[in-house]
C-alpha atoms as a PDB file:
ATOM      1  CA  MET A   1      19.722 -13.336  46.530  1.00  0.00           C
ATOM      2  CA  LYS A   2      17.470 -13.886  43.559  1.00  0.00           C
ATOM      3  CA  PRO A   3      15.137 -11.533  41.754  1.00  0.00           C
ATOM      4  CA  ARG A   4      12.031 -13.552  42.780  1.00  0.00           C
ATOM      5  CA  GLN A   5      13.081 -13.171  46.552  1.00  0.00           C
ATOM      6  CA  LEU A   6      13.034  -9.297  46.007  1.00  0.00           C
ATOM      7  CA  GLU A   7       9.705  -9.465  44.209  1.00  0.00           C
ATOM      8  CA  ALA A   8       8.315 -11.424  47.192  1.00  0.00           C
ATOM      9  CA  PHE A   9       9.783  -8.990  49.820  1.00  0.00           C
ATOM     10  CA  ARG A  10       8.663  -5.997  47.912  1.00  0.00           C
ATOM     11  CA  ALA A  11       5.116  -7.389  47.550  1.00  0.00           C
ATOM     12  CA  VAL A  12       5.082  -8.092  51.369  1.00  0.00           C
ATOM     13  CA  MET A  13       6.035  -4.480  52.172  1.00  0.00           C
ATOM     14  CA  LEU A  14       3.643  -3.116  49.701  1.00  0.00           C
ATOM     15  CA  THR A  15       0.667  -5.133  50.908  1.00  0.00           C
ATOM     16  CA  GLY A  16       1.520  -5.439  54.599  1.00  0.00           C
ATOM     17  CA  SER A  17       1.176  -9.213  54.897  1.00  0.00           C
ATOM     18  CA  ILE A  18       2.200 -12.510  53.595  1.00  0.00           C
ATOM     19  CA  THR A  19      -1.168 -13.373  52.268  1.00  0.00           C
ATOM     20  CA  ALA A  20      -1.880 -10.257  50.736  1.00  0.00           C
ATOM     21  CA  GLY A  21       1.596 -10.388  49.030  1.00  0.00           C
ATOM     22  CA  ALA A  22       1.032 -13.828  47.781  1.00  0.00           C
ATOM     23  CA  ASN A  23      -2.342 -12.560  46.100  1.00  0.00           C
ATOM     24  CA  HIS A  24      -0.377  -9.763  44.596  1.00  0.00           C
ATOM     25  CA  LEU A  25       1.961 -12.237  43.113  1.00  0.00           C
ATOM     26  CA  ARG A  26      -0.461 -14.726  42.204  1.00  0.00           C
ATOM     27  CA  LEU A  27       1.548 -17.163  44.465  1.00  0.00           C
ATOM     28  CA  SER A  28       0.721 -19.467  47.253  1.00  0.00           C
ATOM     29  CA  GLN A  29       1.303 -18.193  51.007  1.00  0.00           C
ATOM     30  CA  PRO A  30       3.946 -20.965  51.652  1.00  0.00           C
ATOM     31  CA  ALA A  31       5.726 -20.169  48.494  1.00  0.00           C
ATOM     32  CA  VAL A  32       6.037 -16.401  49.521  1.00  0.00           C
ATOM     33  CA  THR A  33       6.875 -17.436  53.048  1.00  0.00           C
ATOM     34  CA  ARG A  34       9.652 -19.621  51.604  1.00  0.00           C
ATOM     35  CA  LEU A  35      10.968 -16.797  49.299  1.00  0.00           C
ATOM     36  CA  ILE A  36      11.279 -14.539  52.364  1.00  0.00           C
ATOM     37  CA  ARG A  37      13.107 -16.762  54.588  1.00  0.00           C
ATOM     38  CA  ASP A  38      15.524 -17.488  51.757  1.00  0.00           C
ATOM     39  CA  LEU A  39      16.123 -13.845  51.346  1.00  0.00           C
ATOM     40  CA  GLU A  40      16.766 -13.491  54.993  1.00  0.00           C
ATOM     41  CA  ARG A  41      19.217 -16.267  54.962  1.00  0.00           C
ATOM     42  CA  SER A  42      21.158 -15.049  51.976  1.00  0.00           C
ATOM     43  CA  LEU A  43      21.449 -11.484  53.349  1.00  0.00           C
ATOM     44  CA  GLY A  44      22.132 -12.594  56.921  1.00  0.00           C
ATOM     45  CA  LEU A  45      19.505 -10.085  58.177  1.00  0.00           C
ATOM     46  CA  THR A  46      15.999 -10.636  60.001  1.00  0.00           C
ATOM     47  CA  LEU A  47      13.578  -8.743  57.828  1.00  0.00           C
ATOM     48  CA  PHE A  48      10.266  -9.498  59.614  1.00  0.00           C
ATOM     49  CA  GLU A  49       9.334 -10.154  63.270  1.00  0.00           C
ATOM     50  CA  ARG A  50       6.631 -12.975  63.578  1.00  0.00           C
ATOM     51  CA  ASP A  51       4.024 -12.631  66.278  1.00  0.00           C
ATOM     52  CA  ARG A  52       1.199 -15.086  66.362  1.00  0.00           C
ATOM     53  CA  GLY A  53       0.627 -15.297  62.769  1.00  0.00           C
ATOM     54  CA  ARG A  54       1.456 -11.530  61.976  1.00  0.00           C
ATOM     55  CA  ILE A  55       4.560  -9.895  60.777  1.00  0.00           C
ATOM     56  CA  ARG A  56       6.261  -6.763  61.281  1.00  0.00           C
ATOM     57  CA  PRO A  57       9.139  -5.375  59.293  1.00  0.00           C
ATOM     58  CA  THR A  58      12.353  -4.589  61.142  1.00  0.00           C
ATOM     59  CA  SER A  59      14.105  -1.388  60.794  1.00  0.00           C
ATOM     60  CA  ALA A  60      16.568  -3.236  58.263  1.00  0.00           C
ATOM     61  CA  ALA A  61      13.560  -4.208  55.998  1.00  0.00           C
ATOM     62  CA  THR A  62      12.528  -0.673  55.934  1.00  0.00           C
ATOM     63  CA  GLU A  63      15.945   0.591  54.798  1.00  0.00           C
ATOM     64  CA  LEU A  64      16.349  -2.424  52.435  1.00  0.00           C
ATOM     65  CA  SER A  65      12.885  -1.665  50.999  1.00  0.00           C
ATOM     66  CA  ARG A  66      13.999   1.872  49.771  1.00  0.00           C
ATOM     67  CA  GLU A  67      16.754   0.281  47.780  1.00  0.00           C
ATOM     68  CA  VAL A  68      14.621  -2.389  46.383  1.00  0.00           C
ATOM     69  CA  ASP A  69      11.983   0.116  45.328  1.00  0.00           C
ATOM     70  CA  ARG A  70      14.560   2.130  43.343  1.00  0.00           C
ATOM     71  CA  CYS A  71      15.715  -0.952  41.671  1.00  0.00           C
ATOM     72  CA  PHE A  72      12.146  -1.818  40.679  1.00  0.00           C
ATOM     73  CA  VAL A  73      11.238   1.594  39.515  1.00  0.00           C
ATOM     74  CA  GLY A  74      14.231   1.280  37.097  1.00  0.00           C
ATOM     75  CA  LEU A  75      12.915  -2.065  35.837  1.00  0.00           C
ATOM     76  CA  ASP A  76       9.538  -0.597  35.272  1.00  0.00           C
ATOM     77  CA  ARG A  77      11.054   2.259  33.398  1.00  0.00           C
ATOM     78  CA  ILE A  78      12.814  -0.401  31.152  1.00  0.00           C
ATOM     79  CA  ALA A  79       9.759  -2.389  30.656  1.00  0.00           C
ATOM     80  CA  LYS A  80       7.664   0.734  29.764  1.00  0.00           C
ATOM     81  CA  ALA A  81      10.370   1.831  27.299  1.00  0.00           C
ATOM     82  CA  ALA A  82      10.137  -1.755  25.790  1.00  0.00           C
ATOM     83  CA  ALA A  83       6.559  -1.712  25.470  1.00  0.00           C
ATOM     84  CA  ASP A  84       6.464   1.876  23.709  1.00  0.00           C
ATOM     85  CA  LEU A  85       8.962   0.652  21.388  1.00  0.00           C
ATOM     86  CA  ARG A  86       6.974  -2.215  20.667  1.00  0.00           C
ATOM     87  CA  GLN A  87       3.790  -0.391  20.163  1.00  0.00           C
ATOM     88  CA  GLY A  88       5.482   2.179  18.171  1.00  0.00           C
ATOM     89  CA  ARG A  89       5.039   4.984  20.711  1.00  0.00           C
ATOM     90  CA  ALA A  90       8.801   5.632  21.289  1.00  0.00           C
ATOM     91  CA  GLY A  91      12.050   5.499  19.093  1.00  0.00           C
ATOM     92  CA  ARG A  92      12.937   7.571  16.206  1.00  0.00           C
ATOM     93  CA  LEU A  93      11.273   7.760  12.854  1.00  0.00           C
ATOM     94  CA  ARG A  94      13.229   8.805   9.768  1.00  0.00           C
ATOM     95  CA  ILE A  95      11.241  10.323   6.800  1.00  0.00           C
ATOM     96  CA  ALA A  96      12.638  11.778   3.496  1.00  0.00           C
ATOM     97  CA  ALA A  97      10.249  13.829   1.287  1.00  0.00           C
ATOM     98  CA  ILE A  98      10.261  15.823  -1.715  1.00  0.00           C
ATOM     99  CA  PRO A  99       9.535  19.503  -0.769  1.00  0.00           C
ATOM    100  CA  THR A 100       6.096  19.705  -2.078  1.00  0.00           C
ATOM    101  CA  LEU A 101       5.084  16.858   0.186  1.00  0.00           C
ATOM    102  CA  ALA A 102       7.246  17.965   3.167  1.00  0.00           C
ATOM    103  CA  VAL A 103       5.361  21.167   3.243  1.00  0.00           C
ATOM    104  CA  GLY A 104       2.086  20.556   1.649  1.00  0.00           C
ATOM    105  CA  VAL A 105       0.594  17.668   3.214  1.00  0.00           C
ATOM    106  CA  LEU A 106       3.235  15.613   5.597  1.00  0.00           C
ATOM    107  CA  PRO A 107       3.181  18.234   8.504  1.00  0.00           C
ATOM    108  CA  GLU A 108      -0.883  17.708   9.095  1.00  0.00           C
ATOM    109  CA  ILE A 109      -0.177  13.704   8.717  1.00  0.00           C
ATOM    110  CA  LEU A 110       2.551  14.005  11.352  1.00  0.00           C
ATOM    111  CA  ALA A 111       0.799  16.224  13.663  1.00  0.00           C
ATOM    112  CA  ARG A 112      -1.970  13.874  13.965  1.00  0.00           C
ATOM    113  CA  PHE A 113       0.182  10.811  14.175  1.00  0.00           C
ATOM    114  CA  LEU A 114       2.392  12.222  16.891  1.00  0.00           C
ATOM    115  CA  ALA A 115      -0.526  13.505  19.125  1.00  0.00           C
ATOM    116  CA  ASP A 116      -0.575  10.324  21.021  1.00  0.00           C
ATOM    117  CA  ARG A 117       3.140   9.195  20.924  1.00  0.00           C
ATOM    118  CA  PRO A 118       5.072  11.869  22.953  1.00  0.00           C
ATOM    119  CA  GLN A 119       8.178   9.763  23.172  1.00  0.00           C
ATOM    120  CA  LEU A 120       8.599   9.182  19.379  1.00  0.00           C
ATOM    121  CA  GLY A 121      11.150  11.358  17.671  1.00  0.00           C
ATOM    122  CA  VAL A 122      10.770  12.324  13.893  1.00  0.00           C
ATOM    123  CA  GLU A 123      13.510  13.214  11.311  1.00  0.00           C
ATOM    124  CA  LEU A 124      12.166  14.924   8.301  1.00  0.00           C
ATOM    125  CA  MET A 125      14.550  15.569   5.452  1.00  0.00           C
ATOM    126  CA  ASP A 126      13.806  17.192   2.140  1.00  0.00           C
ATOM    127  CA  GLY A 127      15.349  15.890  -1.259  1.00  0.00           C
ATOM    128  CA  SER A 128      15.012  15.058  -4.984  1.00  0.00           C
ATOM    129  CA  SER A 129      13.039  11.916  -5.829  1.00  0.00           C
ATOM    130  CA  ALA A 130      16.120  10.368  -6.941  1.00  0.00           C
ATOM    131  CA  GLU A 131      18.177  11.109  -3.854  1.00  0.00           C
ATOM    132  CA  ILE A 132      15.217   9.813  -1.635  1.00  0.00           C
ATOM    133  CA  ALA A 133      15.300   6.494  -3.336  1.00  0.00           C
ATOM    134  CA  GLU A 134      18.954   6.227  -2.788  1.00  0.00           C
ATOM    135  CA  TRP A 135      18.549   7.083   0.961  1.00  0.00           C
ATOM    136  CA  ILE A 136      15.952   4.283   1.243  1.00  0.00           C
ATOM    137  CA  ALA A 137      18.107   1.867  -0.517  1.00  0.00           C
ATOM    138  CA  ASP A 138      20.892   2.814   2.057  1.00  0.00           C
ATOM    139  CA  GLY A 139      18.876   2.564   5.002  1.00  0.00           C
ATOM    140  CA  ALA A 140      19.406   6.083   5.769  1.00  0.00           C
ATOM    141  CA  TYR A 141      15.684   6.603   6.081  1.00  0.00           C
ATOM    142  CA  ASP A 142      12.757   4.475   6.924  1.00  0.00           C
ATOM    143  CA  LEU A 143      10.120   6.107   4.511  1.00  0.00           C
ATOM    144  CA  GLY A 144      10.482   8.251   1.549  1.00  0.00           C
ATOM    145  CA  PHE A 145       7.758  10.306  -0.064  1.00  0.00           C
ATOM    146  CA  ALA A 146       8.581  10.945  -3.725  1.00  0.00           C
ATOM    147  CA  THR A 147       7.207  11.207  -7.190  1.00  0.00           C
ATOM    148  CA  GLY A 148       5.683   8.102  -8.819  1.00  0.00           C
ATOM    149  CA  ALA A 149       8.611   8.020 -11.068  1.00  0.00           C
ATOM    150  CA  ALA A 150      10.991   7.315  -8.419  1.00  0.00           C
ATOM    151  CA  ALA A 151      12.549   3.790  -8.676  1.00  0.00           C
ATOM    152  CA  HIS A 152      15.384   1.780  -7.425  1.00  0.00           C
ATOM    153  CA  PRO A 153      16.141  -1.985  -7.288  1.00  0.00           C
ATOM    154  CA  ALA A 154      16.375  -2.221  -3.624  1.00  0.00           C
ATOM    155  CA  VAL A 155      13.270  -0.089  -3.056  1.00  0.00           C
ATOM    156  CA  THR A 156       9.645  -1.065  -2.832  1.00  0.00           C
ATOM    157  CA  THR A 157       7.268   1.521  -4.263  1.00  0.00           C
ATOM    158  CA  HIS A 158       3.720   2.079  -2.702  1.00  0.00           C
ATOM    159  CA  ARG A 159       1.778   4.013  -5.174  1.00  0.00           C
ATOM    160  CA  LEU A 160      -0.583   6.695  -3.846  1.00  0.00           C
ATOM    161  CA  PRO A 161      -3.770   8.123  -5.661  1.00  0.00           C
ATOM    162  CA  PRO A 162      -2.969  10.960  -8.304  1.00  0.00           C
ATOM    163  CA  VAL A 163      -3.406  14.478  -7.217  1.00  0.00           C
ATOM    164  CA  ARG A 164      -4.767  17.080  -9.491  1.00  0.00           C
ATOM    165  CA  ALA A 165      -3.429  20.285 -10.722  1.00  0.00           C
ATOM    166  CA  PHE A 166      -4.620  24.075  -9.967  1.00  0.00           C
ATOM    167  CA  ALA A 167      -3.932  27.326 -11.337  1.00  0.00           C
ATOM    168  CA  VAL A 168      -2.866  30.013  -9.283  1.00  0.00           C
ATOM    169  CA  LEU A 169      -3.746  33.468 -10.378  1.00  0.00           C
ATOM    170  CA  PRO A 170      -2.531  37.156  -9.601  1.00  0.00           C
ATOM    171  CA  PRO A 171      -5.267  39.083  -7.765  1.00  0.00           C
ATOM    172  CA  GLY A 172      -7.947  40.409  -9.936  1.00  0.00           C
ATOM    173  CA  HIS A 173      -6.784  38.512 -12.965  1.00  0.00           C
ATOM    174  CA  ARG A 174      -9.006  38.239 -15.812  1.00  0.00           C
ATOM    175  CA  LEU A 175      -9.203  34.390 -15.567  1.00  0.00           C
ATOM    176  CA  ALA A 176     -10.296  34.614 -11.932  1.00  0.00           C
ATOM    177  CA  ARG A 177     -14.060  34.766 -13.144  1.00  0.00           C
ATOM    178  CA  GLN A 178     -13.810  31.403 -14.495  1.00  0.00           C
ATOM    179  CA  ALA A 179     -14.455  28.411 -12.528  1.00  0.00           C
ATOM    180  CA  THR A 180     -12.007  26.261 -14.372  1.00  0.00           C
ATOM    181  CA  ILE A 181      -8.866  27.243 -16.179  1.00  0.00           C
ATOM    182  CA  ARG A 182      -8.192  25.231 -19.602  1.00  0.00           C
ATOM    183  CA  PRO A 183      -4.954  24.980 -21.124  1.00  0.00           C
ATOM    184  CA  SER A 184      -6.163  27.195 -23.935  1.00  0.00           C
ATOM    185  CA  ASP A 185      -6.630  29.991 -21.446  1.00  0.00           C
ATOM    186  CA  LEU A 186      -2.977  30.336 -20.838  1.00  0.00           C
ATOM    187  CA  ALA A 187      -2.198  31.509 -24.462  1.00  0.00           C
ATOM    188  CA  GLY A 188      -0.491  34.801 -24.109  1.00  0.00           C
ATOM    189  CA  GLU A 189      -0.087  34.399 -20.408  1.00  0.00           C
ATOM    190  CA  ALA A 190       3.222  34.664 -18.395  1.00  0.00           C
ATOM    191  CA  LEU A 191       3.916  31.149 -17.144  1.00  0.00           C
ATOM    192  CA  ILE A 192       5.544  30.227 -13.794  1.00  0.00           C
ATOM    193  CA  ALA A 193       6.354  26.578 -14.094  1.00  0.00           C
ATOM    194  CA  PRO A 194       8.185  23.859 -12.502  1.00  0.00           C
ATOM    195  CA  TYR A 195      11.628  22.665 -13.994  1.00  0.00           C
ATOM    196  CA  PRO A 196      11.304  20.521 -17.041  1.00  0.00           C
ATOM    197  CA  TRP A 197      12.430  17.200 -15.437  1.00  0.00           C
ATOM    198  CA  THR A 198       9.565  17.603 -12.675  1.00  0.00           C
ATOM    199  CA  ARG A 199       6.668  15.260 -13.132  1.00  0.00           C
ATOM    200  CA  LEU A 200       4.150  18.291 -13.100  1.00  0.00           C
ATOM    201  CA  ARG A 201       5.969  20.009 -15.894  1.00  0.00           C
ATOM    202  CA  SER A 202       5.923  17.019 -18.143  1.00  0.00           C
ATOM    203  CA  ARG A 203       2.159  16.687 -17.665  1.00  0.00           C
ATOM    204  CA  LEU A 204       1.605  20.405 -17.992  1.00  0.00           C
ATOM    205  CA  ASP A 205       3.801  20.483 -21.235  1.00  0.00           C
ATOM    206  CA  GLU A 206       1.785  17.686 -22.585  1.00  0.00           C
ATOM    207  CA  SER A 207      -1.484  19.413 -21.852  1.00  0.00           C
ATOM    208  CA  LEU A 208      -0.399  22.771 -23.377  1.00  0.00           C
ATOM    209  CA  ALA A 209       0.804  20.878 -26.541  1.00  0.00           C
ATOM    210  CA  ARG A 210      -2.461  19.157 -26.986  1.00  0.00           C
ATOM    211  CA  ALA A 211      -4.202  22.737 -26.698  1.00  0.00           C
ATOM    212  CA  GLY A 212      -1.762  24.006 -29.319  1.00  0.00           C
ATOM    213  CA  VAL A 213      -0.505  26.634 -26.749  1.00  0.00           C
ATOM    214  CA  GLU A 214       3.238  27.674 -27.040  1.00  0.00           C
ATOM    215  CA  PRO A 215       3.895  28.680 -23.117  1.00  0.00           C
ATOM    216  CA  GLU A 216       5.618  32.094 -22.508  1.00  0.00           C
ATOM    217  CA  LEU A 217       7.828  31.005 -19.615  1.00  0.00           C
ATOM    218  CA  ARG A 218       8.588  33.722 -17.200  1.00  0.00           C
ATOM    219  CA  VAL A 219       9.962  31.876 -14.175  1.00  0.00           C
ATOM    220  CA  GLU A 220      11.068  28.188 -13.759  1.00  0.00           C
ATOM    221  CA  THR A 221      11.568  26.714 -10.246  1.00  0.00           C
ATOM    222  CA  SER A 222      11.832  23.388  -8.605  1.00  0.00           C
ATOM    223  CA  LEU A 223       9.278  24.213  -5.969  1.00  0.00           C
ATOM    224  CA  SER A 224       5.600  24.440  -6.574  1.00  0.00           C
ATOM    225  CA  ALA A 225       5.274  26.733  -3.403  1.00  0.00           C
ATOM    226  CA  VAL A 226       7.706  29.338  -4.895  1.00  0.00           C
ATOM    227  CA  ALA A 227       5.900  29.064  -8.430  1.00  0.00           C
ATOM    228  CA  GLY A 228       2.622  29.580  -6.501  1.00  0.00           C
ATOM    229  CA  ALA A 229       3.980  32.501  -4.319  1.00  0.00           C
ATOM    230  CA  VAL A 230       5.286  34.321  -7.517  1.00  0.00           C
ATOM    231  CA  ALA A 231       1.874  34.080  -9.316  1.00  0.00           C
ATOM    232  CA  ALA A 232       0.033  35.206  -6.012  1.00  0.00           C
ATOM    233  CA  ALA A 233       2.474  38.305  -6.024  1.00  0.00           C
ATOM    234  CA  GLY A 234       1.450  39.169  -9.440  1.00  0.00           C
ATOM    235  CA  GLY A 235       4.312  37.701 -11.340  1.00  0.00           C
ATOM    236  CA  GLY A 236       2.202  35.519 -13.715  1.00  0.00           C
ATOM    237  CA  VAL A 237       0.090  32.341 -13.748  1.00  0.00           C
ATOM    238  CA  ALA A 238       1.358  29.063 -12.108  1.00  0.00           C
ATOM    239  CA  VAL A 239       0.170  25.539 -12.119  1.00  0.00           C
ATOM    240  CA  VAL A 240       0.727  23.601  -8.953  1.00  0.00           C
ATOM    241  CA  GLU A 241      -0.500  20.466  -7.267  1.00  0.00           C
ATOM    242  CA  ALA A 242      -3.566  20.399  -5.020  1.00  0.00           C
ATOM    243  CA  PHE A 243      -1.485  20.545  -1.456  1.00  0.00           C
ATOM    244  CA  THR A 244       0.262  23.769  -2.496  1.00  0.00           C
ATOM    245  CA  ALA A 245      -2.932  25.170  -3.889  1.00  0.00           C
ATOM    246  CA  GLU A 246      -4.716  24.507  -0.715  1.00  0.00           C
ATOM    247  CA  ARG A 247      -1.970  26.561   1.273  1.00  0.00           C
ATOM    248  CA  LEU A 248      -2.150  29.390  -1.280  1.00  0.00           C
ATOM    249  CA  ARG A 249      -5.834  29.684  -1.192  1.00  0.00           C
ATOM    250  CA  ALA A 250      -5.843  29.691   2.608  1.00  0.00           C
ATOM    251  CA  MET A 251      -3.409  32.697   2.337  1.00  0.00           C
ATOM    252  CA  GLY A 252      -5.883  34.461  -0.027  1.00  0.00           C
ATOM    253  CA  ALA A 253      -4.536  33.510  -3.491  1.00  0.00           C
ATOM    254  CA  GLU A 254      -6.854  33.217  -6.589  1.00  0.00           C
ATOM    255  CA  VAL A 255      -6.861  29.254  -7.083  1.00  0.00           C
ATOM    256  CA  ARG A 256      -8.849  27.560  -9.691  1.00  0.00           C
ATOM    257  CA  PRO A 257      -9.074  23.892 -11.076  1.00  0.00           C
ATOM    258  CA  PHE A 258      -6.844  23.322 -14.047  1.00  0.00           C
ATOM    259  CA  GLY A 259      -8.670  21.466 -16.829  1.00  0.00           C
ATOM    260  CA  ASP A 260      -7.380  18.637 -19.005  1.00  0.00           C
ATOM    261  CA  GLY A 261      -6.984  16.253 -16.572  1.00  0.00           C
ATOM    262  CA  VAL A 262      -3.572  17.111 -15.367  1.00  0.00           C
ATOM    263  CA  ARG A 263      -2.716  14.896 -12.484  1.00  0.00           C
ATOM    264  CA  VAL A 264       0.579  14.370 -10.459  1.00  0.00           C
ATOM    265  CA  GLU A 265       1.497  10.803  -9.199  1.00  0.00           C
ATOM    266  CA  TYR A 266       3.341  10.351  -5.726  1.00  0.00           C
ATOM    267  CA  ALA A 267       4.618   7.192  -3.901  1.00  0.00           C
ATOM    268  CA  VAL A 268       6.008   6.204  -0.689  1.00  0.00           C
ATOM    269  CA  LEU A 269       9.137   4.271  -0.915  1.00  0.00           C
ATOM    270  CA  THR A 270      10.353   1.563   1.682  1.00  0.00           C
ATOM    271  CA  SER A 271      13.360  -0.698   1.519  1.00  0.00           C
ATOM    272  CA  SER A 272      13.080  -3.825  -0.085  1.00  0.00           C
ATOM    273  CA  HIS A 273      15.697  -5.595   2.174  1.00  0.00           C
ATOM    274  CA  ARG A 274      14.898  -4.079   5.654  1.00  0.00           C
ATOM    275  CA  SER A 275      11.648  -4.536   7.859  1.00  0.00           C
ATOM    276  CA  LEU A 276      10.119  -1.480   9.056  1.00  0.00           C
ATOM    277  CA  SER A 277       9.893  -0.587  12.618  1.00  0.00           C
ATOM    278  CA  VAL A 278       6.452  -0.460  14.315  1.00  0.00           C
ATOM    279  CA  ALA A 279       6.515   3.323  14.280  1.00  0.00           C
ATOM    280  CA  ALA A 280       7.302   3.383  10.627  1.00  0.00           C
ATOM    281  CA  GLU A 281       4.720   0.497   9.692  1.00  0.00           C
ATOM    282  CA  ALA A 282       2.204   2.686  11.617  1.00  0.00           C
ATOM    283  CA  PHE A 283       3.128   5.885   9.777  1.00  0.00           C
ATOM    284  CA  LEU A 284       2.942   4.298   6.474  1.00  0.00           C
ATOM    285  CA  LYS A 285      -0.457   2.933   7.061  1.00  0.00           C
ATOM    286  CA  ALA A 286      -1.614   6.533   8.283  1.00  0.00           C
ATOM    287  CA  ALA A 287      -0.139   8.182   5.182  1.00  0.00           C
ATOM    288  CA  LEU A 288      -1.699   5.691   2.801  1.00  0.00           C
ATOM    289  CA  GLN A 289      -5.043   6.088   4.540  1.00  0.00           C
ATOM    290  CA  SER A 290      -4.645  10.037   4.383  1.00  0.00           C
ATOM    291  CA  PHE A 291      -3.894  10.060   0.799  1.00  0.00           C
ATOM    292  CA  SER A 292      -6.770   7.686  -0.055  1.00  0.00           C
ATOM    293  CA  ARG A 293      -9.678   9.580   1.425  1.00  0.00           C
ATOM    294  CA  PRO A 294     -11.034  12.879   0.293  1.00  0.00           C
ATOM    295  CA  ARG A 295      -9.928  15.809   2.299  1.00  0.00           C
ATOM    296  CA  ARG A 296     -13.358  17.227   3.199  1.00  0.00           C
ATOM    297  CA  GLN A 297     -11.927  20.034   5.526  1.00  0.00           C
ATOM    298  CA  ARG A 298     -12.178  23.147   3.437  1.00  0.00           C
ATOM    299  CA  GLN A 299     -10.136  26.311   4.298  1.00  0.00           C
ATOM    300  CA  ARG A 300     -11.937  29.334   4.775  1.00  0.00           C
ATOM    301  CA  ARG A 301     -11.948  31.656   1.602  1.00  0.00           C
ATOM    302  CA  PRO A 302     -12.171  35.435   1.277  1.00  0.00           C
ATOM    303  CA  ALA A 303     -15.653  36.652   1.206  1.00  0.00           C
ATOM    304  CA  ALA A 304     -15.424  37.997  -2.377  1.00  0.00           C
ATOM    305  CA  ALA A 305     -14.197  34.595  -3.663  1.00  0.00           C
ATOM    306  CA  ARG A 306     -17.133  32.879  -1.939  1.00  0.00           C
ATOM    307  CA  ALA A 307     -19.551  35.462  -3.415  1.00  0.00           C
ATOM    308  CA  ARG A 308     -18.386  34.652  -6.855  1.00  0.00           C
ATOM    309  CA  GLY A 309     -18.794  31.025  -6.387  1.00  0.00           C
ATOM    310  CA  ALA A 310     -15.243  30.531  -7.422  1.00  0.00           C
ATOM    311  CA  GLY A 311     -15.554  26.826  -8.245  1.00  0.00           C
ATOM    312  CA  GLU A 312     -13.925  23.646  -6.637  1.00  0.00           C
ATOM    313  CA  THR A 313     -11.595  24.110  -3.889  1.00  0.00           C
ATOM    314  CA  PRO A 314      -8.074  22.345  -3.717  1.00  0.00           C
ATOM    315  CA  ALA A 315      -8.947  20.944  -0.275  1.00  0.00           C
ATOM    316  CA  GLN A 316     -10.180  17.841  -1.913  1.00  0.00           C
ATOM    317  CA  GLY A 317      -6.541  16.808  -2.451  1.00  0.00           C
ATOM    318  CA  PRO A 318      -6.281  13.533  -4.505  1.00  0.00           C
ATOM    319  CA  ALA A 319      -8.353  12.924  -7.280  1.00  0.00           C
END
């Protein structure tokens, strides 16, 4: 019994005739007739009764057809699963990201990416840039989203467009009347800042030094979201990147562009020694496109802020 014989039998049962079955399989009628007879011989069963050029399935054929259908349904599922993997619609995508990106921008990109990939599973782990570089090098994750300073000899770095910084102010703060916050405006202000070893903090320190401002550090944290939340609650003034600022503005926080051209650089990390899966390759492309184009969808702002003409919205993202 050969698979081709079963294919011929199933085609004839589905279509009702040798001729239609041959057309379905794109074979000649004699070829299908021969396959059916060979199957009957190998099984020791009569599957079709022949009467003046017509065929009628026997009870044995009807019973056998049920089992053959189950077999082919399983094969169809295997073929579909293989096609989904081949086209990046199934499987598992492993992503590691620093918290700022894991919370700020990746959820939106992931939601769009998964919309037409219901069989694709995703693992999203947060970590530091150094940890992420190690994970990518070890093959624990497919893609890593980290600061532009992340480096490893076994990792390829895909640079992303720099993202500008924004100031987050307590409600009713005196600086909220300004369209842009300058480094000199932070003199005498309680500052909520990232930890010194972060990329944003080094850029911020350079900006304040150029302005001759000695920062009055009130809170230091590793997370921009925490810094912005503390500022919005009245704990001081925070400087965060655009993605966090966008989320905070949507929650009603006072957010203004921070002057002096402070930017933060991010990158996507991939292994230098292992090829990406189809799904990982597609997500990398989607992420690069998302970071490269302006984010034109602006969050709705409180009416009072709109009335003041509060300046540029952080929803523009990369700059």
